[in-house]
Amino acid sequence: MNTKLLMVLSGMAAISISGQVSADAASDYTTNCNSCHNVAIAPALQAPGVGDKAAWAPRIAKGMDALYHTALNGSSVNPVMMPRGGSSLGDDALKAVVDYMVSQSK
C-alpha cells in the first residue's frame, strides 16, 4: 500500500476515534452527571454547572489532576459530590467526562 495513503487512512482513523471519545463523553455526562452539573440545579448543590465559566474558573485553575481527583474520589468540601459522582464509569471514561465539562465551561 502506498505510504501516503496509509498515513491518510491512519489519520482518518485517529479523527474517528477522537470524535467517538468526545461523543461518548458527552453522552456519559448527560447520563451520569447532568442531574447535578446542569446550570439550572448546580448552584443549589454548590456544584459548577457546565457552561458556567465563573463557577468553573477557580476549579480549572487548580489543574486537571485536581479535577480528576475530585471526580474519582468525591469532594471533601461538598459531600453531595460523591466518588465518581455516584456513577459506575471507569477511570478513563470519567476523566473524559471531566475533560468534556471543562471544554464546555472555559
PDB file of N, CA and C in Angstrom:
ATOM      1  N   MET A   1       0.849  -1.178   0.000  1.00  0.00           N
ATOM      2  CA  MET A   1       0.000   0.000   0.000  1.00  0.00           C
ATOM      3  C   MET A   1       0.891   1.236   0.000  1.00  0.00           C
ATOM      4  N   ASN A   2       0.479   2.227  -0.689  1.00  0.00           N
ATOM      5  CA  ASN A   2       1.176   3.497  -0.784  1.00  0.00           C
ATOM      6  C   ASN A   2       1.325   4.110   0.622  1.00  0.00           C
ATOM      7  N   THR A   3       2.524   4.580   0.967  1.00  0.00           N
ATOM      8  CA  THR A   3       2.801   5.150   2.280  1.00  0.00           C
ATOM      9  C   THR A   3       1.913   6.361   2.570  1.00  0.00           C
ATOM     10  N   LYS A   4       1.729   7.222   1.580  1.00  0.00           N
ATOM     11  CA  LYS A   4       0.881   8.398   1.780  1.00  0.00           C
ATOM     12  C   LYS A   4      -0.562   7.994   2.055  1.00  0.00           C
ATOM     13  N   LEU A   5      -1.054   7.009   1.338  1.00  0.00           N
ATOM     14  CA  LEU A   5      -2.413   6.538   1.549  1.00  0.00           C
ATOM     15  C   LEU A   5      -2.557   5.949   2.948  1.00  0.00           C
ATOM     16  N   LEU A   6      -1.563   5.204   3.384  1.00  0.00           N
ATOM     17  CA  LEU A   6      -1.581   4.620   4.722  1.00  0.00           C
ATOM     18  C   LEU A   6      -1.615   5.715   5.788  1.00  0.00           C
ATOM     19  N   MET A   7      -0.834   6.782   5.580  1.00  0.00           N
ATOM     20  CA  MET A   7      -0.825   7.896   6.533  1.00  0.00           C
ATOM     21  C   MET A   7      -2.191   8.577   6.569  1.00  0.00           C
ATOM     22  N   VAL A   8      -2.799   8.771   5.429  1.00  0.00           N
ATOM     23  CA  VAL A   8      -4.125   9.394   5.374  1.00  0.00           C
ATOM     24  C   VAL A   8      -5.142   8.531   6.084  1.00  0.00           C
ATOM     25  N   LEU A   9      -5.129   7.235   5.817  1.00  0.00           N
ATOM     26  CA  LEU A   9      -6.077   6.328   6.463  1.00  0.00           C
ATOM     27  C   LEU A   9      -5.861   6.286   7.977  1.00  0.00           C
ATOM     28  N   SER A  10      -4.603   6.306   8.410  1.00  0.00           N
ATOM     29  CA  SER A  10      -4.306   6.331   9.837  1.00  0.00           C
ATOM     30  C   SER A  10      -4.842   7.607  10.471  1.00  0.00           C
ATOM     31  N   GLY A  11      -4.654   8.715   9.797  1.00  0.00           N
ATOM     32  CA  GLY A  11      -5.168   9.994  10.295  1.00  0.00           C
ATOM     33  C   GLY A  11      -6.676   9.995  10.389  1.00  0.00           C
ATOM     34  N   MET A  12      -7.343   9.403   9.402  1.00  0.00           N
ATOM     35  CA  MET A  12      -8.807   9.334   9.428  1.00  0.00           C
ATOM     36  C   MET A  12      -9.278   8.466  10.584  1.00  0.00           C
ATOM     37  N   ALA A  13      -8.570   7.383  10.864  1.00  0.00           N
ATOM     38  CA  ALA A  13      -8.935   6.522  11.989  1.00  0.00           C
ATOM     39  C   ALA A  13      -8.762   7.275  13.298  1.00  0.00           C
ATOM     40  N   ALA A  14      -7.696   8.034  13.427  1.00  0.00           N
ATOM     41  CA  ALA A  14      -7.467   8.805  14.649  1.00  0.00           C
ATOM     42  C   ALA A  14      -8.551   9.849  14.839  1.00  0.00           C
ATOM     43  N   ILE A  15      -8.948  10.520  13.775  1.00  0.00           N
ATOM     44  CA  ILE A  15     -10.022  11.508  13.868  1.00  0.00           C
ATOM     45  C   ILE A  15     -11.311  10.833  14.283  1.00  0.00           C
ATOM     46  N   SER A  16     -11.599   9.702  13.709  1.00  0.00           N
ATOM     47  CA  SER A  16     -12.817   8.971  14.043  1.00  0.00           C
ATOM     48  C   SER A  16     -12.816   8.542  15.504  1.00  0.00           C
ATOM     49  N   ILE A  17     -11.686   8.034  16.002  1.00  0.00           N
ATOM     50  CA  ILE A  17     -11.593   7.600  17.391  1.00  0.00           C
ATOM     51  C   ILE A  17     -11.756   8.785  18.321  1.00  0.00           C
ATOM     52  N   SER A  18     -11.067   9.900  18.067  1.00  0.00           N
ATOM     53  CA  SER A  18     -11.173  11.051  18.960  1.00  0.00           C
ATOM     54  C   SER A  18     -12.576  11.632  18.929  1.00  0.00           C
ATOM     55  N   GLY A  19     -13.239  11.604  17.798  1.00  0.00           N
ATOM     56  CA  GLY A  19     -14.623  12.065  17.716  1.00  0.00           C
ATOM     57  C   GLY A  19     -15.546  11.185  18.519  1.00  0.00           C
ATOM     58  N   GLN A  20     -15.299   9.885  18.516  1.00  0.00           N
ATOM     59  CA  GLN A  20     -16.110   8.952  19.271  1.00  0.00           C
ATOM     60  C   GLN A  20     -15.920   9.162  20.767  1.00  0.00           C
ATOM     61  N   VAL A  21     -14.681   9.383  21.208  1.00  0.00           N
ATOM     62  CA  VAL A  21     -14.427   9.638  22.622  1.00  0.00           C
ATOM     63  C   VAL A  21     -15.221  10.853  23.063  1.00  0.00           C
ATOM     64  N   SER A  22     -15.214  11.898  22.275  1.00  0.00           N
ATOM     65  CA  SER A  22     -15.952  13.108  22.603  1.00  0.00           C
ATOM     66  C   SER A  22     -17.454  12.837  22.673  1.00  0.00           C
ATOM     67  N   ALA A  23     -17.956  12.089  21.715  1.00  0.00           N
ATOM     68  CA  ALA A  23     -19.385  11.759  21.709  1.00  0.00           C
ATOM     69  C   ALA A  23     -19.733  10.899  22.917  1.00  0.00           C
ATOM     70  N   ASP A  24     -18.870   9.948  23.255  1.00  0.00           N
ATOM     71  CA  ASP A  24     -19.105   9.115  24.429  1.00  0.00           C
ATOM     72  C   ASP A  24     -19.082   9.950  25.701  1.00  0.00           C
ATOM     73  N   ALA A  25     -18.143  10.881  25.804  1.00  0.00           N
ATOM     74  CA  ALA A  25     -18.036  11.723  26.992  1.00  0.00           C
ATOM     75  C   ALA A  25     -19.287  12.588  27.153  1.00  0.00           C
ATOM     76  N   ALA A  26     -19.775  13.143  26.061  1.00  0.00           N
ATOM     77  CA  ALA A  26     -20.995  13.963  26.121  1.00  0.00           C
ATOM     78  C   ALA A  26     -22.186  13.108  26.547  1.00  0.00           C
ATOM     79  N   SER A  27     -22.269  11.919  26.008  1.00  0.00           N
ATOM     80  CA  SER A  27     -23.353  11.006  26.373  1.00  0.00           C
ATOM     81  C   SER A  27     -23.235  10.573  27.836  1.00  0.00           C
ATOM     82  N   ASP A  28     -22.016  10.241  28.259  1.00  0.00           N
ATOM     83  CA  ASP A  28     -21.797   9.850  29.658  1.00  0.00           C
ATOM     84  C   ASP A  28     -22.121  11.004  30.606  1.00  0.00           C
ATOM     85  N   TYR A  29     -21.773  12.232  30.205  1.00  0.00           N
ATOM     86  CA  TYR A  29     -22.126  13.402  31.011  1.00  0.00           C
ATOM     87  C   TYR A  29     -23.648  13.475  31.159  1.00  0.00           C
ATOM     88  N   THR A  30     -24.363  13.394  30.058  1.00  0.00           N
ATOM     89  CA  THR A  30     -25.821  13.512  30.085  1.00  0.00           C
ATOM     90  C   THR A  30     -26.446  12.428  30.951  1.00  0.00           C
ATOM     91  N   THR A  31     -25.935  11.230  30.847  1.00  0.00           N
ATOM     92  CA  THR A  31     -26.490  10.098  31.579  1.00  0.00           C
ATOM     93  C   THR A  31     -26.130  10.111  33.061  1.00  0.00           C
ATOM     94  N   ASN A  32     -24.911  10.529  33.393  1.00  0.00           N
ATOM     95  CA  ASN A  32     -24.409  10.353  34.753  1.00  0.00           C
ATOM     96  C   ASN A  32     -24.192  11.630  35.563  1.00  0.00           C
ATOM     97  N   CYS A  33     -23.982  12.752  34.907  1.00  0.00           N
ATOM     98  CA  CYS A  33     -23.525  13.939  35.622  1.00  0.00           C
ATOM     99  C   CYS A  33     -24.451  15.149  35.497  1.00  0.00           C
ATOM    100  N   ASN A  34     -25.279  15.148  34.472  1.00  0.00           N
ATOM    101  CA  ASN A  34     -26.127  16.296  34.175  1.00  0.00           C
ATOM    102  C   ASN A  34     -27.097  16.630  35.302  1.00  0.00           C
ATOM    103  N   SER A  35     -27.545  15.641  36.043  1.00  0.00           N
ATOM    104  CA  SER A  35     -28.544  15.910  37.080  1.00  0.00           C
ATOM    105  C   SER A  35     -28.016  16.838  38.164  1.00  0.00           C
ATOM    106  N   CYS A  36     -26.702  16.881  38.370  1.00  0.00           N
ATOM    107  CA  CYS A  36     -26.126  17.798  39.362  1.00  0.00           C
ATOM    108  C   CYS A  36     -25.351  18.957  38.736  1.00  0.00           C
ATOM    109  N   HIS A  37     -24.839  18.764  37.526  1.00  0.00           N
ATOM    110  CA  HIS A  37     -23.978  19.777  36.918  1.00  0.00           C
ATOM    111  C   HIS A  37     -24.656  20.602  35.835  1.00  0.00           C
ATOM    112  N   ASN A  38     -25.975  20.465  35.660  1.00  0.00           N
ATOM    113  CA  ASN A  38     -26.627  21.361  34.708  1.00  0.00           C
ATOM    114  C   ASN A  38     -26.814  22.715  35.388  1.00  0.00           C
ATOM    115  N   VAL A  39     -26.791  23.761  34.612  1.00  0.00           N
ATOM    116  CA  VAL A  39     -26.772  25.118  35.184  1.00  0.00           C
ATOM    117  C   VAL A  39     -28.030  25.458  35.971  1.00  0.00           C
ATOM    118  N   ALA A  40     -29.123  24.769  35.740  1.00  0.00           N
ATOM    119  CA  ALA A  40     -30.359  25.073  36.459  1.00  0.00           C
ATOM    120  C   ALA A  40     -30.317  24.611  37.915  1.00  0.00           C
ATOM    121  N   ILE A  41     -29.665  23.499  38.195  1.00  0.00           N
ATOM    122  CA  ILE A  41     -29.666  22.932  39.541  1.00  0.00           C
ATOM    123  C   ILE A  41     -28.333  23.062  40.258  1.00  0.00           C
ATOM    124  N   ALA A  42     -27.246  23.199  39.508  1.00  0.00           N
ATOM    125  CA  ALA A  42     -25.896  23.185  40.083  1.00  0.00           C
ATOM    126  C   ALA A  42     -25.697  24.170  41.243  1.00  0.00           C
ATOM    127  N   PRO A  43     -26.126  25.423  41.143  1.00  0.00           N
ATOM    128  CA  PRO A  43     -25.889  26.343  42.256  1.00  0.00           C
ATOM    129  C   PRO A  43     -26.512  25.873  43.582  1.00  0.00           C
ATOM    130  N   ALA A  44     -27.667  25.262  43.525  1.00  0.00           N
ATOM    131  CA  ALA A  44     -28.314  24.773  44.746  1.00  0.00           C
ATOM    132  C   ALA A  44     -27.513  23.643  45.385  1.00  0.00           C
ATOM    133  N   LEU A  45     -26.741  22.938  44.587  1.00  0.00           N
ATOM    134  CA  LEU A  45     -25.923  21.827  45.091  1.00  0.00           C
ATOM    135  C   LEU A  45     -24.478  22.237  45.337  1.00  0.00           C
ATOM    136  N   GLN A  46     -24.185  23.504  45.139  1.00  0.00           N
ATOM    137  CA  GLN A  46     -22.831  24.046  45.246  1.00  0.00           C
ATOM    138  C   GLN A  46     -21.875  23.329  44.286  1.00  0.00           C
ATOM    139  N   ALA A  47     -22.405  22.991  43.130  1.00  0.00           N
ATOM    140  CA  ALA A  47     -21.620  22.342  42.080  1.00  0.00           C
ATOM    141  C   ALA A  47     -21.463  23.312  40.920  1.00  0.00           C
ATOM    142  N   PRO A  48     -20.393  23.171  40.142  1.00  0.00           N
ATOM    143  CA  PRO A  48     -20.255  24.025  38.961  1.00  0.00           C
ATOM    144  C   PRO A  48     -21.145  23.511  37.829  1.00  0.00           C
ATOM    145  N   GLY A  49     -21.978  24.364  37.310  1.00  0.00           N
ATOM    146  CA  GLY A  49     -22.822  23.992  36.178  1.00  0.00           C
ATOM    147  C   GLY A  49     -22.032  24.046  34.889  1.00  0.00           C
ATOM    148  N   VAL A  50     -22.216  23.064  34.049  1.00  0.00           N
ATOM    149  CA  VAL A  50     -21.496  23.044  32.775  1.00  0.00           C
ATOM    150  C   VAL A  50     -21.879  24.280  31.969  1.00  0.00           C
ATOM    151  N   GLY A  51     -20.870  25.020  31.556  1.00  0.00           N
ATOM    152  CA  GLY A  51     -21.077  26.259  30.821  1.00  0.00           C
ATOM    153  C   GLY A  51     -20.963  27.497  31.695  1.00  0.00           C
ATOM    154  N   ASP A  52     -20.960  27.328  33.019  1.00  0.00           N
ATOM    155  CA  ASP A  52     -20.843  28.454  33.958  1.00  0.00           C
ATOM    156  C   ASP A  52     -19.359  28.757  34.160  1.00  0.00           C
ATOM    157  N   LYS A  53     -18.850  29.650  33.342  1.00  0.00           N
ATOM    158  CA  LYS A  53     -17.419  29.953  33.347  1.00  0.00           C
ATOM    159  C   LYS A  53     -16.932  30.460  34.698  1.00  0.00           C
ATOM    160  N   ALA A  54     -17.731  31.276  35.369  1.00  0.00           N
ATOM    161  CA  ALA A  54     -17.324  31.819  36.668  1.00  0.00           C
ATOM    162  C   ALA A  54     -17.213  30.720  37.720  1.00  0.00           C
ATOM    163  N   ALA A  55     -18.119  29.767  37.690  1.00  0.00           N
ATOM    164  CA  ALA A  55     -18.077  28.670  38.660  1.00  0.00           C
ATOM    165  C   ALA A  55     -16.908  27.724  38.390  1.00  0.00           C
ATOM    166  N   TRP A  56     -16.575  27.536  37.127  1.00  0.00           N
ATOM    167  CA  TRP A  56     -15.508  26.603  36.781  1.00  0.00           C
ATOM    168  C   TRP A  56     -14.119  27.211  36.889  1.00  0.00           C
ATOM    169  N   ALA A  57     -13.980  28.514  36.708  1.00  0.00           N
ATOM    170  CA  ALA A  57     -12.654  29.148  36.647  1.00  0.00           C
ATOM    171  C   ALA A  57     -11.744  28.783  37.824  1.00  0.00           C
ATOM    172  N   PRO A  58     -12.187  28.916  39.083  1.00  0.00           N
ATOM    173  CA  PRO A  58     -11.273  28.575  40.171  1.00  0.00           C
ATOM    174  C   PRO A  58     -10.947  27.078  40.233  1.00  0.00           C
ATOM    175  N   ARG A  59     -11.845  26.265  39.782  1.00  0.00           N
ATOM    176  CA  ARG A  59     -11.604  24.820  39.763  1.00  0.00           C
ATOM    177  C   ARG A  59     -10.608  24.463  38.659  1.00  0.00           C
ATOM    178  N   ILE A  60     -10.804  25.059  37.485  1.00  0.00           N
ATOM    179  CA  ILE A  60      -9.890  24.821  36.368  1.00  0.00           C
ATOM    180  C   ILE A  60      -8.488  25.316  36.729  1.00  0.00           C
ATOM    181  N   ALA A  61      -8.407  26.412  37.470  1.00  0.00           N
ATOM    182  CA  ALA A  61      -7.112  26.977  37.871  1.00  0.00           C
ATOM    183  C   ALA A  61      -6.313  26.007  38.737  1.00  0.00           C
ATOM    184  N   LYS A  62      -6.978  25.098  39.414  1.00  0.00           N
ATOM    185  CA  LYS A  62      -6.284  24.114  40.259  1.00  0.00           C
ATOM    186  C   LYS A  62      -5.627  23.012  39.428  1.00  0.00           C
ATOM    187  N   GLY A  63      -6.028  22.897  38.176  1.00  0.00           N
ATOM    188  CA  GLY A  63      -5.425  21.920  37.281  1.00  0.00           C
ATOM    189  C   GLY A  63      -6.286  20.682  37.088  1.00  0.00           C
ATOM    190  N   MET A  64      -6.024  20.005  36.003  1.00  0.00           N
ATOM    191  CA  MET A  64      -6.813  18.827  35.640  1.00  0.00           C
ATOM    192  C   MET A  64      -6.634  17.694  36.640  1.00  0.00           C
ATOM    193  N   ASP A  65      -5.436  17.534  37.194  1.00  0.00           N
ATOM    194  CA  ASP A  65      -5.244  16.460  38.170  1.00  0.00           C
ATOM    195  C   ASP A  65      -6.162  16.643  39.376  1.00  0.00           C
ATOM    196  N   ALA A  66      -6.332  17.873  39.828  1.00  0.00           N
ATOM    197  CA  ALA A  66      -7.231  18.147  40.956  1.00  0.00           C
ATOM    198  C   ALA A  66      -8.678  17.847  40.583  1.00  0.00           C
ATOM    199  N   LEU A  67      -9.068  18.201  39.366  1.00  0.00           N
ATOM    200  CA  LEU A  67     -10.430  17.913  38.914  1.00  0.00           C
ATOM    201  C   LEU A  67     -10.664  16.411  38.792  1.00  0.00           C
ATOM    202  N   TYR A  68      -9.691  15.702  38.243  1.00  0.00           N
ATOM    203  CA  TYR A  68      -9.814  14.242  38.141  1.00  0.00           C
ATOM    204  C   TYR A  68      -9.910  13.620  39.533  1.00  0.00           C
ATOM    205  N   HIS A  69      -9.094  14.106  40.465  1.00  0.00           N
ATOM    206  CA  HIS A  69      -9.105  13.570  41.830  1.00  0.00           C
ATOM    207  C   HIS A  69     -10.484  13.721  42.453  1.00  0.00           C
ATOM    208  N   THR A  70     -11.077  14.888  42.312  1.00  0.00           N
ATOM    209  CA  THR A  70     -12.419  15.112  42.868  1.00  0.00           C
ATOM    210  C   THR A  70     -13.439  14.208  42.190  1.00  0.00           C
ATOM    211  N   ALA A  71     -13.362  14.098  40.882  1.00  0.00           N
ATOM    212  CA  ALA A  71     -14.317  13.255  40.166  1.00  0.00           C
ATOM    213  C   ALA A  71     -14.187  11.794  40.596  1.00  0.00           C
ATOM    214  N   LEU A  72     -12.971  11.329  40.747  1.00  0.00           N
ATOM    215  CA  LEU A  72     -12.739   9.928  41.105  1.00  0.00           C
ATOM    216  C   LEU A  72     -13.035   9.634  42.575  1.00  0.00           C
ATOM    217  N   ASN A  73     -12.706  10.576  43.456  1.00  0.00           N
ATOM    218  CA  ASN A  73     -12.746  10.319  44.891  1.00  0.00           C
ATOM    219  C   ASN A  73     -13.830  11.062  45.657  1.00  0.00           C
ATOM    220  N   GLY A  74     -14.515  11.968  44.990  1.00  0.00           N
ATOM    221  CA  GLY A  74     -15.508  12.788  45.670  1.00  0.00           C
ATOM    222  C   GLY A  74     -14.868  14.050  46.228  1.00  0.00           C
ATOM    223  N   SER A  75     -15.684  14.895  46.789  1.00  0.00           N
ATOM    224  CA  SER A  75     -15.215  16.176  47.312  1.00  0.00           C
ATOM    225  C   SER A  75     -15.212  16.170  48.838  1.00  0.00           C
ATOM    226  N   SER A  76     -14.118  16.631  49.404  1.00  0.00           N
ATOM    227  CA  SER A  76     -14.053  16.766  50.864  1.00  0.00           C
ATOM    228  C   SER A  76     -14.770  18.037  51.320  1.00  0.00           C
ATOM    229  N   VAL A  77     -15.029  18.944  50.396  1.00  0.00           N
ATOM    230  CA  VAL A  77     -15.697  20.207  50.699  1.00  0.00           C
ATOM    231  C   VAL A  77     -17.209  20.106  50.505  1.00  0.00           C
ATOM    232  N   ASN A  78     -17.628  19.352  49.506  1.00  0.00           N
ATOM    233  CA  ASN A  78     -19.049  19.232  49.186  1.00  0.00           C
ATOM    234  C   ASN A  78     -19.446  17.750  49.188  1.00  0.00           C
ATOM    235  N   PRO A  79     -20.076  17.291  50.267  1.00  0.00           N
ATOM    236  CA  PRO A  79     -20.428  15.864  50.357  1.00  0.00           C
ATOM    237  C   PRO A  79     -21.434  15.395  49.305  1.00  0.00           C
ATOM    238  N   VAL A  80     -22.101  16.324  48.635  1.00  0.00           N
ATOM    239  CA  VAL A  80     -23.016  15.938  47.560  1.00  0.00           C
ATOM    240  C   VAL A  80     -22.232  15.291  46.417  1.00  0.00           C
ATOM    241  N   MET A  81     -20.985  15.746  46.218  1.00  0.00           N
ATOM    242  CA  MET A  81     -20.130  15.166  45.178  1.00  0.00           C
ATOM    243  C   MET A  81     -19.455  13.928  45.740  1.00  0.00           C
ATOM    244  N   MET A  82     -20.122  12.806  45.528  1.00  0.00           N
ATOM    245  CA  MET A  82     -19.580  11.531  45.999  1.00  0.00           C
ATOM    246  C   MET A  82     -18.588  10.972  44.987  1.00  0.00           C
ATOM    247  N   PRO A  83     -17.801   9.964  45.374  1.00  0.00           N
ATOM    248  CA  PRO A  83     -16.860   9.381  44.417  1.00  0.00           C
ATOM    249  C   PRO A  83     -17.564   8.976  43.121  1.00  0.00           C
ATOM    250  N   ARG A  84     -16.918   9.330  42.022  1.00  0.00           N
ATOM    251  CA  ARG A  84     -17.417   9.045  40.671  1.00  0.00           C
ATOM    252  C   ARG A  84     -18.794   9.659  40.426  1.00  0.00           C
ATOM    253  N   GLY A  85     -19.178  10.604  41.251  1.00  0.00           N
ATOM    254  CA  GLY A  85     -20.492  11.226  41.111  1.00  0.00           C
ATOM    255  C   GLY A  85     -21.606  10.202  41.263  1.00  0.00           C
ATOM    256  N   GLY A  86     -21.278   9.078  41.896  1.00  0.00           N
ATOM    257  CA  GLY A  86     -22.262   8.022  42.079  1.00  0.00           C
ATOM    258  C   GLY A  86     -22.421   7.126  40.860  1.00  0.00           C
ATOM    259  N   SER A  87     -21.606   7.354  39.847  1.00  0.00           N
ATOM    260  CA  SER A  87     -21.718   6.559  38.615  1.00  0.00           C
ATOM    261  C   SER A  87     -20.840   5.313  38.698  1.00  0.00           C
ATOM    262  N   SER A  88     -20.967   4.472  37.707  1.00  0.00           N
ATOM    263  CA  SER A  88     -20.100   3.288  37.596  1.00  0.00           C
ATOM    264  C   SER A  88     -19.102   3.450  36.455  1.00  0.00           C
ATOM    265  N   LEU A  89     -18.872   4.680  36.027  1.00  0.00           N
ATOM    266  CA  LEU A  89     -17.921   4.936  34.943  1.00  0.00           C
ATOM    267  C   LEU A  89     -16.509   4.527  35.356  1.00  0.00           C
ATOM    268  N   GLY A  90     -15.767   3.970  34.420  1.00  0.00           N
ATOM    269  CA  GLY A  90     -14.366   3.649  34.663  1.00  0.00           C
ATOM    270  C   GLY A  90     -13.534   4.922  34.705  1.00  0.00           C
ATOM    271  N   ASP A  91     -12.298   4.791  35.145  1.00  0.00           N
ATOM    272  CA  ASP A  91     -11.410   5.946  35.289  1.00  0.00           C
ATOM    273  C   ASP A  91     -11.290   6.757  34.006  1.00  0.00           C
ATOM    274  N   ASP A  92     -10.993   6.094  32.895  1.00  0.00           N
ATOM    275  CA  ASP A  92     -10.790   6.817  31.636  1.00  0.00           C
ATOM    276  C   ASP A  92     -12.067   7.494  31.161  1.00  0.00           C
ATOM    277  N   ALA A  93     -13.193   6.821  31.293  1.00  0.00           N
ATOM    278  CA  ALA A  93     -14.469   7.413  30.878  1.00  0.00           C
ATOM    279  C   ALA A  93     -14.803   8.618  31.755  1.00  0.00           C
ATOM    280  N   LEU A  94     -14.550   8.499  33.056  1.00  0.00           N
ATOM    281  CA  LEU A  94     -14.847   9.607  33.960  1.00  0.00           C
ATOM    282  C   LEU A  94     -13.938  10.801  33.670  1.00  0.00           C
ATOM    283  N   LYS A  95     -12.675  10.538  33.417  1.00  0.00           N
ATOM    284  CA  LYS A  95     -11.753  11.623  33.066  1.00  0.00           C
ATOM    285  C   LYS A  95     -12.182  12.280  31.757  1.00  0.00           C
ATOM    286  N   ALA A  96     -12.674  11.498  30.810  1.00  0.00           N
ATOM    287  CA  ALA A  96     -13.158  12.067  29.545  1.00  0.00           C
ATOM    288  C   ALA A  96     -14.367  12.968  29.795  1.00  0.00           C
ATOM    289  N   VAL A  97     -15.226  12.592  30.728  1.00  0.00           N
ATOM    290  CA  VAL A  97     -16.374  13.440  31.073  1.00  0.00           C
ATOM    291  C   VAL A  97     -15.880  14.741  31.702  1.00  0.00           C
ATOM    292  N   VAL A  98     -14.897  14.665  32.577  1.00  0.00           N
ATOM    293  CA  VAL A  98     -14.326  15.880  33.175  1.00  0.00           C
ATOM    294  C   VAL A  98     -13.746  16.767  32.073  1.00  0.00           C
ATOM    295  N   ASP A  99     -13.017  16.170  31.152  1.00  0.00           N
ATOM    296  CA  ASP A  99     -12.469  16.937  30.018  1.00  0.00           C
ATOM    297  C   ASP A  99     -13.594  17.606  29.237  1.00  0.00           C
ATOM    298  N   TYR A 100     -14.668  16.873  29.009  1.00  0.00           N
ATOM    299  CA  TYR A 100     -15.818  17.416  28.285  1.00  0.00           C
ATOM    300  C   TYR A 100     -16.426  18.596  29.048  1.00  0.00           C
ATOM    301  N   MET A 101     -16.651  18.432  30.341  1.00  0.00           N
ATOM    302  CA  MET A 101     -17.278  19.502  31.124  1.00  0.00           C
ATOM    303  C   MET A 101     -16.389  20.739  31.146  1.00  0.00           C
ATOM    304  N   VAL A 102     -15.093  20.554  31.286  1.00  0.00           N
ATOM    305  CA  VAL A 102     -14.166  21.685  31.272  1.00  0.00           C
ATOM    306  C   VAL A 102     -14.186  22.368  29.905  1.00  0.00           C
ATOM    307  N   SER A 103     -14.172  21.584  28.846  1.00  0.00           N
ATOM    308  CA  SER A 103     -14.157  22.181  27.498  1.00  0.00           C
ATOM    309  C   SER A 103     -15.410  23.006  27.246  1.00  0.00           C
ATOM    310  N   GLN A 104     -16.520  22.648  27.869  1.00  0.00           N
ATOM    311  CA  GLN A 104     -17.766  23.379  27.701  1.00  0.00           C
ATOM    312  C   GLN A 104     -17.872  24.588  28.640  1.00  0.00           C
ATOM    313  N   SER A 105     -16.891  24.727  29.542  1.00  0.00           N
ATOM    314  CA  SER A 105     -17.007  25.720  30.608  1.00  0.00           C
ATOM    315  C   SER A 105     -15.865  26.724  30.641  1.00  0.00           C
ATOM    316  N   LYS A 106     -15.042  26.752  29.608  1.00  0.00           N
ATOM    317  CA  LYS A 106     -13.927  27.713  29.550  1.00  0.00           C
ATOM    318  C   LYS A 106     -14.383  29.007  28.919  1.00  0.00           C
TER     319      LYS A 106
END
